[in-house]
């Protein structure tokens, strides 16, 4: 079945009908199942939270000792980044060995209190417990296919969260060895983590989720307070990726929709066969003759088409008209093809020349000519009193030193490196190279509104590059940035804004020089 045939078109129409019907039914089924499945998932997360709560609570006073020492000594504790069950057992044996040597015959909690232990014993106890608890959290996450598990200690007065048990292990390098970064503290505004703070403040589970975006995607977060012997210690957090929550729902919906699709496709197939036999087969003879003429250019075939079109129906009229048309088309087709090719070549050459005229050869961004065109546009906006823009000036430092010391090839690398940074920071604005080491950004719309943040981002990126020992000297680019926003009360033209931005840039350059000399 050819893609241009009537049968194909009817097939497409019926398939669109099937697609619409399936979409509507699948949507209805999805939302119905989504509601019930989310409730089931919520119960499951609560059960996981209870399971983790039991793991921590069963240690009772041991966990309280662990948490108190962890929070007060997290900056000195060294917990290996990578460990397995065997390493956890080894940590336990290490603590027991210290206890046996320092406190022979005594049992922690019965014969001796935690506070009476030596610092070495306390640290060994805390490292062992941290490995054990974190291992249990990670195993629970794998077993229940959860995105992220955590145990945090909130600080109400500062609205901060201290990550105590974190299933996403961050690295900390000490003396060349990898350890876990402990007690990471993060701001959690109430408006973004409403249910988390409600669980902490009330000491009760909250049946609702916090929903937010992180490195795992969009997630649901459920929180449960940990209370041991009446003391509220922290929150157990359980997160699941929304895509994972919806996966089972989508699977069931697709399976049911597939069954419906099979039935509908069978019915449509029968209908298409009926249409073909009753109507479309009558057009195939005409189509074949037209195809033969197209290939052979035989005038006898055209006469055969006219002889077959002996009726007054629409198909016969169409055949007669087509016969006349193909004879005329044969005469000027070659001329038309040649003219079309000539026009296409001319248009492509014009586009290529236009791009070369406004493109900087070294960096690939727009050049001074393109900038002048933008200035003309902005001047019109100023004249019409609709202008709202800003200009950013960026000047590469030490280009002459790089050229003299390492050669112009490395100077070009520095220019391209700075261009890359400018384009990625101001990714919603046009960037122009107007001189050897000078770049201009025209701020409008989103970048105009966020200029302060973008300047901070730019300076932060350069600061990070300057401290990167893996980069060559010419790759650690340094640049000064200044900007000015159009003000109708002081700026009569774009040039005025440009001068103010240029002045701010040189002020920044002097400031950077003063910092280096100090």
Protein backbone atom coordinates (compact mmCIF):
# COMPACT_ATOMS: atom_id res chain seq x y z
CA UNK A 1 0.00 0.00 0.00
CA UNK A 2 1.61 3.25 -1.21
CA UNK A 3 1.72 6.22 1.12
CA UNK A 4 -0.12 8.45 -1.37
CA UNK A 5 -3.00 6.08 -2.07
CA UNK A 6 -6.57 6.64 -0.96
CA UNK A 7 -6.46 3.40 0.96
CA UNK A 8 -3.43 4.68 2.84
CA UNK A 9 -5.17 7.98 3.58
CA UNK A 10 -8.25 6.20 4.84
CA UNK A 11 -5.96 4.05 6.95
CA UNK A 12 -4.29 7.14 8.43
CA UNK A 13 -7.69 8.68 9.17
CA UNK A 14 -8.92 5.55 10.92
CA UNK A 15 -5.63 5.17 12.78
CA UNK A 16 -5.96 8.76 14.01
CA UNK A 17 -9.44 7.92 15.19
CA UNK A 18 -8.09 4.87 17.01
CA UNK A 19 -5.26 6.95 18.49
CA UNK A 20 -7.70 9.57 19.80
CA UNK A 21 -9.99 6.96 21.30
CA UNK A 22 -7.07 5.11 22.87
CA UNK A 23 -5.61 8.35 24.24
CA UNK A 24 -8.87 9.32 25.85
CA UNK A 25 -9.46 5.89 27.36
CA UNK A 26 -5.83 5.54 28.47
CA UNK A 27 -5.91 8.97 30.12
CA UNK A 28 -9.07 8.10 32.01
CA UNK A 29 -7.64 4.74 33.12
CA UNK A 30 -4.32 6.31 34.07
CA UNK A 31 -5.81 8.98 36.33
CA UNK A 32 -8.15 6.48 37.95
CA UNK A 33 -5.33 4.04 38.71
CA UNK A 34 -2.96 6.87 39.63
CA UNK A 35 -5.10 7.90 42.57
CA UNK A 36 -5.39 4.41 44.05
CA UNK A 37 -1.75 3.48 43.37
CA UNK A 38 -0.41 6.60 45.05
CA UNK A 39 -2.35 5.72 48.17
CA UNK A 40 -0.82 2.24 48.11
CA UNK A 41 2.64 3.72 47.58
CA UNK A 42 2.11 6.13 50.46
CA UNK A 43 1.31 3.21 52.79
CA UNK A 44 4.41 1.40 51.50
CA UNK A 45 6.64 4.40 52.25
CA UNK A 46 5.17 4.68 55.72
CA UNK A 47 5.97 1.00 56.29
CA UNK A 48 9.56 1.55 55.14
CA UNK A 49 9.82 4.53 57.47
CA UNK A 50 8.52 2.40 60.35
CA UNK A 51 11.03 -0.31 59.49
CA UNK A 52 13.93 2.17 59.62
CA UNK A 53 12.54 3.70 62.79
CA UNK A 54 12.58 0.24 64.41
CA UNK A 55 16.21 -0.28 63.35
CA UNK A 56 17.28 2.96 65.03
CA UNK A 57 14.96 2.67 68.02
CA UNK A 58 16.01 -0.88 68.93
CA UNK A 59 19.47 0.47 69.83
CA UNK A 60 17.82 2.84 72.30
CA UNK A 61 20.46 4.68 74.31
CA UNK A 62 23.20 3.48 71.94
CA UNK A 63 21.70 5.55 69.15
CA UNK A 64 21.38 8.61 71.41
CA UNK A 65 25.09 8.29 72.29
CA UNK A 66 25.93 7.84 68.64
CA UNK A 67 23.99 10.93 67.53
CA UNK A 68 25.31 13.20 70.29
CA UNK A 69 28.92 12.28 69.59
CA UNK A 70 28.42 12.39 65.82
CA UNK A 71 26.99 15.90 65.85
CA UNK A 72 29.71 17.27 68.13
CA UNK A 73 32.65 15.53 66.42
CA UNK A 74 31.57 15.22 62.77
CA UNK A 75 34.45 17.43 61.64
CA UNK A 76 37.05 14.99 63.04
CA UNK A 77 35.32 11.64 62.53
CA UNK A 78 36.70 9.59 59.64
CA UNK A 79 34.21 7.09 58.23
CA UNK A 80 35.54 5.17 55.18
CA UNK A 81 33.67 6.07 52.00
CA UNK A 82 33.52 2.49 50.75
CA UNK A 83 32.69 -0.36 53.11
CA UNK A 84 30.80 -3.65 53.07
CA UNK A 85 29.31 -5.87 55.74
CA UNK A 86 32.74 -7.37 56.47
CA UNK A 87 34.23 -3.90 57.10
CA UNK A 88 31.31 -3.11 59.43
CA UNK A 89 32.09 -6.24 61.45
CA UNK A 90 35.76 -5.22 61.51
CA UNK A 91 34.77 -1.79 62.88
CA UNK A 92 32.76 -3.50 65.58
CA UNK A 93 35.68 -5.75 66.53
CA UNK A 94 37.93 -2.70 66.69
CA UNK A 95 35.60 -1.02 69.19
CA UNK A 96 35.26 -4.22 71.26
CA UNK A 97 39.04 -4.61 71.31
CA UNK A 98 39.48 -1.05 72.62
CA UNK A 99 36.82 -1.72 75.28
CA UNK A 100 38.52 -4.94 76.34
CA UNK A 101 41.88 -3.23 76.69
CA UNK A 102 40.69 -0.05 78.41
CA UNK A 103 37.73 -1.40 80.42
CA UNK A 104 38.22 -5.14 80.94
CA UNK A 105 35.13 -6.99 82.12
CA UNK A 106 32.89 -3.93 81.80
CA UNK A 107 29.79 -3.59 79.64
CA UNK A 108 28.81 -0.28 78.03
CA UNK A 109 25.62 1.07 79.55
CA UNK A 110 25.70 -1.31 82.52
CA UNK A 111 29.15 -1.04 84.15
CA UNK A 112 30.38 2.09 82.41
CA UNK A 113 28.67 5.04 80.74
CA UNK A 114 29.47 6.35 77.31
CA UNK A 115 30.81 9.59 78.79
CA UNK A 116 33.43 7.62 80.74
CA UNK A 117 34.92 6.09 77.60
CA UNK A 118 38.13 7.38 76.06
CA UNK A 119 37.94 9.54 72.97
CA UNK A 120 39.38 6.66 70.94
CA UNK A 121 36.65 4.33 72.15
CA UNK A 122 33.92 6.91 71.54
CA UNK A 123 35.14 7.53 68.01
CA UNK A 124 35.42 3.79 67.25
CA UNK A 125 31.89 3.25 68.61
CA UNK A 126 30.48 6.10 66.48
CA UNK A 127 32.24 4.96 63.28
CA UNK A 128 30.96 1.41 63.75
CA UNK A 129 27.40 2.57 64.43
CA UNK A 130 27.44 5.00 61.48
CA UNK A 131 28.55 2.24 59.08
CA UNK A 132 25.94 -0.13 60.49
CA UNK A 133 23.02 2.34 60.34
CA UNK A 134 23.98 3.63 56.87
CA UNK A 135 24.28 0.06 55.57
CA UNK A 136 20.78 -0.72 56.86
CA UNK A 137 19.40 2.42 55.16
CA UNK A 138 21.02 1.56 51.84
CA UNK A 139 19.86 -2.05 51.94
CA UNK A 140 16.30 -0.89 52.67
CA UNK A 141 16.49 1.47 49.68
CA UNK A 142 17.56 -1.36 47.36
CA UNK A 143 14.98 -3.79 48.74
CA UNK A 144 12.04 -1.40 48.35
CA UNK A 145 13.40 0.28 45.15
CA UNK A 146 13.51 3.75 46.70
CA UNK A 147 15.37 6.72 45.29
CA UNK A 148 16.87 8.10 48.48
CA UNK A 149 16.86 7.48 52.24
CA UNK A 150 18.10 9.84 54.91
CA UNK A 151 18.12 10.58 58.61
CA UNK A 152 18.40 14.28 59.38
CA UNK A 153 18.51 16.47 62.48
CA UNK A 154 16.65 19.77 61.96
CA UNK A 155 17.80 23.06 63.50
CA UNK A 156 14.62 25.03 64.00
CA UNK A 157 16.27 28.34 64.86
CA UNK A 158 18.19 28.50 61.55
CA UNK A 159 15.84 26.40 59.36
CA UNK A 160 18.77 24.11 58.55
CA UNK A 161 18.94 20.34 58.16
CA UNK A 162 21.97 18.30 59.27
CA UNK A 163 22.31 15.16 57.16
CA UNK A 164 23.34 12.50 59.67
CA UNK A 165 22.67 9.30 57.71
CA UNK A 166 22.79 10.00 53.99
CA UNK A 167 22.41 7.17 51.47
CA UNK A 168 24.11 9.36 48.87
CA UNK A 169 27.70 9.25 50.09
CA UNK A 170 29.61 12.47 49.40
CA UNK A 171 33.39 12.21 49.26
CA UNK A 172 35.93 13.79 51.58
CA UNK A 173 39.65 13.28 50.91
CA UNK A 174 41.99 13.11 53.92
CA UNK A 175 45.66 12.20 53.41
CA UNK A 176 44.83 10.75 50.01
CA UNK A 177 42.09 8.46 51.33
CA UNK A 178 38.36 8.67 50.66
CA UNK A 179 36.03 9.22 53.58
CA UNK A 180 32.35 10.17 53.84
CA UNK A 181 31.59 13.88 54.08
CA UNK A 182 29.66 14.02 57.35
CA UNK A 183 27.01 16.34 58.80
CA UNK A 184 26.33 18.25 55.60
CA UNK A 185 24.12 21.18 56.60
CA UNK A 186 21.61 22.63 54.12
CA UNK A 187 19.00 25.38 54.33
CA UNK A 188 15.45 24.02 54.04
CA UNK A 189 12.99 26.94 53.79
CA UNK A 190 9.60 26.17 55.28
CA UNK A 191 7.76 27.12 52.11
CA UNK A 192 9.70 24.49 50.12
CA UNK A 193 9.71 21.77 52.81
CA UNK A 194 6.40 22.36 54.53
CA UNK A 195 5.65 18.75 55.52
CA UNK A 196 9.21 18.09 56.67
CA UNK A 197 9.05 20.94 59.19
CA UNK A 198 5.51 19.99 60.22
CA UNK A 199 6.67 16.45 61.03
CA UNK A 200 9.52 17.85 63.11
CA UNK A 201 7.55 20.53 64.92
CA UNK A 202 4.63 18.26 65.79
CA UNK A 203 6.64 15.08 66.38
CA UNK A 204 4.09 13.20 64.31
CA UNK A 205 4.02 11.69 60.85
CA UNK A 206 2.50 13.84 58.15
CA UNK A 207 0.42 11.97 55.59
CA UNK A 208 1.30 14.45 52.83
CA UNK A 209 4.43 14.59 50.66
CA UNK A 210 6.96 17.28 49.94
CA UNK A 211 7.47 17.37 46.19
CA UNK A 212 10.60 18.90 44.68
CA UNK A 213 13.28 18.56 42.00
CA UNK A 214 16.77 17.26 42.74
CA UNK A 215 19.54 15.23 41.07
CA UNK A 216 17.19 12.22 40.96
CA UNK A 217 14.49 14.12 39.09
CA UNK A 218 11.11 15.05 40.53
CA UNK A 219 10.52 13.18 43.79
CA UNK A 220 8.02 12.61 46.58
CA UNK A 221 9.49 12.91 50.09
CA UNK A 222 7.82 11.45 53.20
CA UNK A 223 9.07 12.18 56.72
CA UNK A 224 8.69 10.40 60.04
CA UNK A 225 10.05 11.69 63.39
CA UNK A 226 12.38 9.45 65.40
CA UNK A 227 11.48 9.47 69.10
CA UNK A 228 13.42 7.35 71.59
CA UNK A 229 12.31 7.25 75.23
CA UNK A 230 10.25 10.36 74.71
CA UNK A 231 13.14 12.32 73.20
CA UNK A 232 12.65 13.70 69.69
CA UNK A 233 15.97 13.11 67.91
CA UNK A 234 15.49 13.65 64.18
CA UNK A 235 13.56 12.81 61.03
CA UNK A 236 13.66 9.74 58.80
CA UNK A 237 13.21 10.78 55.18
CA UNK A 238 12.08 8.43 52.43
CA UNK A 239 12.09 9.64 48.83
CA UNK A 240 10.76 7.99 45.71
CA UNK A 241 11.10 9.23 42.14
CA UNK A 242 7.75 10.26 40.68
CA UNK A 243 8.66 8.47 37.46
CA UNK A 244 9.09 5.25 39.44
CA UNK A 245 5.75 5.78 41.19
CA UNK A 246 4.07 6.18 37.82
CA UNK A 247 5.88 3.27 36.18
CA UNK A 248 3.56 0.54 37.43
CA UNK A 249 0.52 2.69 36.70
CA UNK A 250 1.73 3.30 33.17
CA UNK A 251 2.47 -0.41 32.66
CA UNK A 252 -1.06 -1.45 33.64
CA UNK A 253 -2.59 1.33 31.56
CA UNK A 254 -0.59 0.34 28.47
CA UNK A 255 -1.52 -3.32 28.89
CA UNK A 256 -5.24 -2.53 29.04
CA UNK A 257 -4.96 0.00 26.23
CA UNK A 258 -3.15 -2.59 24.11
CA UNK A 259 -6.09 -4.99 24.44
CA UNK A 260 -8.50 -2.29 23.30
CA UNK A 261 -6.16 -1.39 20.45
CA UNK A 262 -6.14 -4.97 19.11
CA UNK A 263 -9.95 -5.02 18.93
CA UNK A 264 -10.17 -1.60 17.24
CA UNK A 265 -7.43 -2.39 14.72
CA UNK A 266 -9.18 -5.63 13.73
CA UNK A 267 -12.43 -3.73 13.10
CA UNK A 268 -10.69 -0.98 11.11
CA UNK A 269 -8.82 -3.55 9.01
CA UNK A 270 -12.10 -5.20 7.99
CA UNK A 271 -13.57 -1.78 7.11
CA UNK A 272 -10.55 -0.82 4.98
CA UNK A 273 -10.79 -4.09 3.03
CA UNK A 274 -14.43 -3.35 2.28
CA UNK A 275 -13.62 0.22 1.04
CA UNK A 276 -10.80 -1.07 -1.11
CA UNK A 277 -12.88 -3.74 -2.81
CA UNK A 278 -15.91 -1.50 -3.32
CA UNK A 279 -14.27 1.76 -4.45
CA UNK A 280 -10.49 2.10 -4.52
CA UNK A 281 -9.80 -0.83 -6.89
CA UNK A 282 -11.66 1.11 -9.61
CA UNK A 283 -8.97 3.82 -9.43
CA UNK A 284 -6.01 1.46 -9.70
CA UNK A 285 -6.33 1.01 -13.47
CA UNK A 286 -6.19 4.77 -13.98
CA UNK A 287 -3.27 5.07 -11.59
CA UNK A 288 -1.35 2.35 -13.47
CA UNK A 289 -1.77 4.08 -16.83
CA UNK A 290 -0.63 7.40 -15.41
CA UNK A 291 2.42 5.69 -13.90
CA UNK A 292 3.32 4.08 -17.22
CA UNK A 293 3.15 7.45 -18.97
CA UNK A 294 5.37 9.05 -16.32
CA UNK A 295 8.03 6.38 -16.92
CA UNK A 296 7.80 5.92 -20.71
CA UNK A 297 6.41 9.27 -21.92
CA UNK A 298 4.30 7.33 -24.43
CA UNK A 299 1.45 9.36 -25.98
CA UNK A 300 -0.53 6.16 -26.71
CA UNK A 301 -0.88 5.65 -22.95
CA UNK A 302 -2.40 9.12 -22.67
CA UNK A 303 -4.96 8.17 -25.35
CA UNK A 304 -5.68 4.95 -23.42
CA UNK A 305 -6.41 7.04 -20.32
CA UNK A 306 -8.82 9.23 -22.32
CA UNK A 307 -10.57 6.20 -23.81
CA UNK A 308 -11.01 4.65 -20.34
CA UNK A 309 -12.50 7.92 -19.05
CA UNK A 310 -15.77 7.43 -20.92
CA UNK A 311 -18.12 8.42 -18.15
CA UNK A 312 -19.23 11.69 -16.58
CA UNK A 313 -18.29 10.87 -13.00
CA UNK A 314 -15.60 12.68 -11.09
CA UNK A 315 -12.97 10.02 -11.78
CA UNK A 316 -13.49 10.28 -15.57
CA UNK A 317 -13.31 14.10 -15.51
CA UNK A 318 -10.14 13.92 -13.43
CA UNK A 319 -8.58 11.50 -15.96
CA UNK A 320 -9.36 13.82 -18.90
CA UNK A 321 -7.93 16.85 -17.16
CA UNK A 322 -4.83 14.97 -16.13
CA UNK A 323 -4.22 13.81 -19.71
CA UNK A 324 -4.18 17.42 -20.90
CA UNK A 325 -2.00 18.54 -18.03
CA UNK A 326 0.74 15.95 -18.49
CA UNK A 327 1.15 16.91 -22.13
CA UNK A 328 1.73 20.53 -21.17
CA UNK A 329 4.01 19.67 -18.25
CA UNK A 330 6.24 17.61 -20.53
CA UNK A 331 7.10 20.71 -22.57
CA UNK A 332 8.39 22.99 -19.82
CA UNK A 333 9.51 20.62 -17.01
CA UNK A 334 13.13 20.73 -18.01
CA UNK A 335 13.12 24.54 -18.04
CA UNK A 336 11.45 24.64 -14.63
CA UNK A 337 13.99 22.26 -13.06
CA UNK A 338 16.92 24.28 -14.37
CA UNK A 339 15.43 27.56 -13.11
CA UNK A 340 14.70 26.10 -9.67
CA UNK A 341 18.27 24.87 -9.29
CA UNK A 342 19.67 28.25 -10.27
CA UNK A 343 17.48 30.05 -7.72
CA UNK A 344 18.43 27.58 -4.98
CA UNK A 345 22.16 28.00 -5.65
CA UNK A 346 21.82 31.79 -5.59
CA UNK A 347 19.89 31.75 -2.28
CA UNK A 348 22.44 29.45 -0.61
CA UNK A 349 25.32 31.68 -1.72
CA UNK A 350 23.53 34.75 -0.38
CA UNK A 351 22.91 33.10 3.02
CA UNK A 352 26.54 31.96 3.25
CA UNK A 353 27.88 35.43 2.45
CA UNK A 354 25.53 37.01 4.99
CA UNK A 355 26.74 34.67 7.73
CA UNK A 356 30.41 35.31 6.93
CA UNK A 357 29.87 39.07 7.10
CA UNK A 358 28.53 38.96 10.65
CA UNK A 359 30.48 36.02 12.13
CA UNK A 360 33.76 36.20 14.04
CA UNK A 361 36.22 33.77 12.46
CA UNK A 362 38.09 32.84 15.66
CA UNK A 363 35.21 32.25 18.09
CA UNK A 364 32.24 31.61 15.81
CA UNK A 365 30.10 34.23 17.58
CA UNK A 366 28.82 37.48 16.08
CA UNK A 367 31.31 40.22 15.23
CA UNK A 368 31.48 44.03 15.30
CA UNK A 369 29.35 44.30 12.16
CA UNK A 370 26.56 42.29 13.80
CA UNK A 371 26.89 44.43 16.93
CA UNK A 372 26.46 47.62 14.89
CA UNK A 373 23.22 46.20 13.46
CA UNK A 374 21.93 45.52 16.97
CA UNK A 375 22.87 49.08 17.98
CA UNK A 376 20.71 50.41 15.15
CA UNK A 377 17.79 48.34 16.38
CA UNK A 378 18.24 49.60 19.94
CA UNK A 379 18.46 53.22 18.73
CA UNK A 380 15.02 52.79 17.16
CA UNK A 381 13.71 51.42 20.44
CA UNK A 382 15.13 54.44 22.29
CA UNK A 383 13.48 56.77 19.79
CA UNK A 384 10.14 55.01 20.26
CA UNK A 385 10.58 55.06 24.07
CA UNK A 386 10.27 51.27 24.30
CA UNK A 387 13.92 50.53 25.09
CA UNK A 388 14.75 48.23 28.00
CA UNK A 389 18.23 46.82 27.68
CA UNK A 390 21.69 46.73 29.17
CA UNK A 391 25.23 46.32 27.90
CA UNK A 392 27.91 44.11 29.42
CA UNK A 393 31.58 44.70 28.61
CA UNK A 394 34.06 41.86 29.14
CA UNK A 395 37.79 42.33 28.66
CA UNK A 396 40.34 39.48 28.76
CA UNK A 397 43.28 40.16 31.10
CA UNK A 398 46.91 39.38 30.26
CA UNK A 399 46.34 38.55 26.56
CA UNK A 400 49.59 40.29 25.58
CA UNK A 401 51.49 38.38 28.29
CA UNK A 402 50.06 35.06 27.02
CA UNK A 403 50.92 35.91 23.40
CA UNK A 404 54.47 37.01 24.30
CA UNK A 405 55.13 34.07 26.65
CA UNK A 406 53.35 31.13 25.01
CA UNK A 407 52.56 32.35 21.51
CA UNK A 408 49.49 33.68 19.71
CA UNK A 409 48.05 30.18 19.28
CA UNK A 410 47.67 29.89 23.05
CA UNK A 411 46.35 33.45 23.17
CA UNK A 412 43.62 32.35 20.78
CA UNK A 413 42.83 29.45 23.11
CA UNK A 414 42.40 31.92 25.98
CA UNK A 415 40.08 34.08 23.85
CA UNK A 416 37.94 31.06 22.91
CA UNK A 417 37.87 29.87 26.53
CA UNK A 418 36.61 33.26 27.74
CA UNK A 419 34.07 33.32 24.89
CA UNK A 420 32.76 29.92 26.00
CA UNK A 421 32.26 31.17 29.57
CA UNK A 422 30.55 34.41 28.50
CA UNK A 423 28.17 32.58 26.15
CA UNK A 424 27.21 30.01 28.79
CA UNK A 425 26.65 32.57 31.56
CA UNK A 426 24.62 34.90 29.34
CA UNK A 427 22.92 32.09 27.42
CA UNK A 428 19.76 34.11 26.73
CA UNK A 429 21.58 37.12 25.22
CA UNK A 430 23.53 37.80 22.01
CA UNK A 431 27.32 37.91 22.52
CA UNK A 432 29.66 39.83 20.21
CA UNK A 433 33.44 39.96 19.84
CA UNK A 434 34.16 43.59 18.97
CA UNK A 435 37.93 43.56 19.44
CA UNK A 436 40.87 41.28 20.03
CA UNK A 437 40.11 40.69 23.70
CA UNK A 438 36.79 42.52 24.11
CA UNK A 439 33.32 41.01 24.20
CA UNK A 440 29.96 42.76 24.40
CA UNK A 441 26.68 41.27 25.62
CA UNK A 442 23.32 42.96 24.95
CA UNK A 443 21.04 42.27 27.89
CA UNK A 444 17.31 41.97 27.35
CA UNK A 445 14.41 40.11 28.94
CA UNK A 446 15.51 37.29 31.29
CA UNK A 447 19.23 38.15 31.44
CA UNK A 448 18.36 41.82 31.92
CA UNK A 449 16.26 40.96 34.98
CA UNK A 450 18.91 38.61 36.45
CA UNK A 451 22.07 40.61 35.74
CA UNK A 452 23.30 40.66 39.36
CA UNK A 453 23.08 36.87 39.62
CA UNK A 454 24.76 36.42 36.23
CA UNK A 455 27.67 38.68 37.19
CA UNK A 456 28.17 36.65 40.38
CA UNK A 457 28.04 33.44 38.32
CA UNK A 458 30.61 34.83 35.86
CA UNK A 459 33.05 35.88 38.59
CA UNK A 460 32.58 32.58 40.42
CA UNK A 461 33.43 30.60 37.29
CA UNK A 462 36.60 32.62 36.70
CA UNK A 463 37.57 32.22 40.35
CA UNK A 464 37.13 28.44 40.10
CA UNK A 465 39.20 28.31 36.91
CA UNK A 466 42.01 30.33 38.51
CA UNK A 467 42.29 27.70 41.26
CA UNK A 468 42.19 24.66 38.96
CA UNK A 469 45.71 23.21 38.95
CA UNK A 470 44.77 20.82 36.13
CA UNK A 471 44.55 23.72 33.65
CA UNK A 472 47.44 25.29 31.77
CA UNK A 473 48.30 28.91 32.55
CA UNK A 474 46.70 30.20 29.35
CA UNK A 475 43.52 28.22 30.17
CA UNK A 476 43.11 29.92 33.56
CA UNK A 477 41.56 32.94 31.93
CA UNK A 478 41.08 36.16 33.87
CA UNK A 479 38.69 38.87 32.75
CA UNK A 480 37.08 42.06 33.99
CA UNK A 481 33.33 42.61 33.57
CA UNK A 482 31.34 45.80 33.76
CA UNK A 483 27.77 46.56 32.82
CA UNK A 484 25.28 49.39 32.53
CA UNK A 485 21.50 49.39 32.15
CA UNK A 486 19.78 51.88 29.88
CA UNK A 487 18.33 54.84 31.81
CA UNK A 488 16.22 57.24 29.77
CA UNK A 489 17.05 60.08 32.17
CA UNK A 490 20.81 59.91 31.49
CA UNK A 491 21.28 57.98 28.24
CA UNK A 492 20.55 59.68 24.95
CA UNK A 493 21.92 56.84 22.85
CA UNK A 494 23.28 53.31 22.94
CA UNK A 495 26.78 54.79 22.90
CA UNK A 496 26.15 56.39 26.30
CA UNK A 497 25.22 53.02 27.79
CA UNK A 498 28.29 51.47 26.13
CA UNK A 499 30.58 54.11 27.67
CA UNK A 500 29.14 53.56 31.15
CA UNK A 501 29.58 49.80 30.80
CA UNK A 502 33.13 50.30 29.52
CA UNK A 503 33.89 52.58 32.47
CA UNK A 504 32.53 50.00 34.91
CA UNK A 505 34.64 47.33 33.26
CA UNK A 506 37.84 49.36 33.67
CA UNK A 507 36.91 50.07 37.28
CA UNK A 508 36.63 46.33 37.82
CA UNK A 509 39.99 45.82 36.10
CA UNK A 510 41.62 48.29 38.52
CA UNK A 511 39.93 46.58 41.45
CA UNK A 512 41.28 43.18 40.34
CA UNK A 513 44.76 44.64 39.95
CA UNK A 514 44.65 46.09 43.47
CA UNK A 515 43.59 42.71 44.87
CA UNK A 516 46.48 40.94 43.10
CA UNK A 517 49.05 43.46 44.37
CA UNK A 518 47.84 43.06 47.97
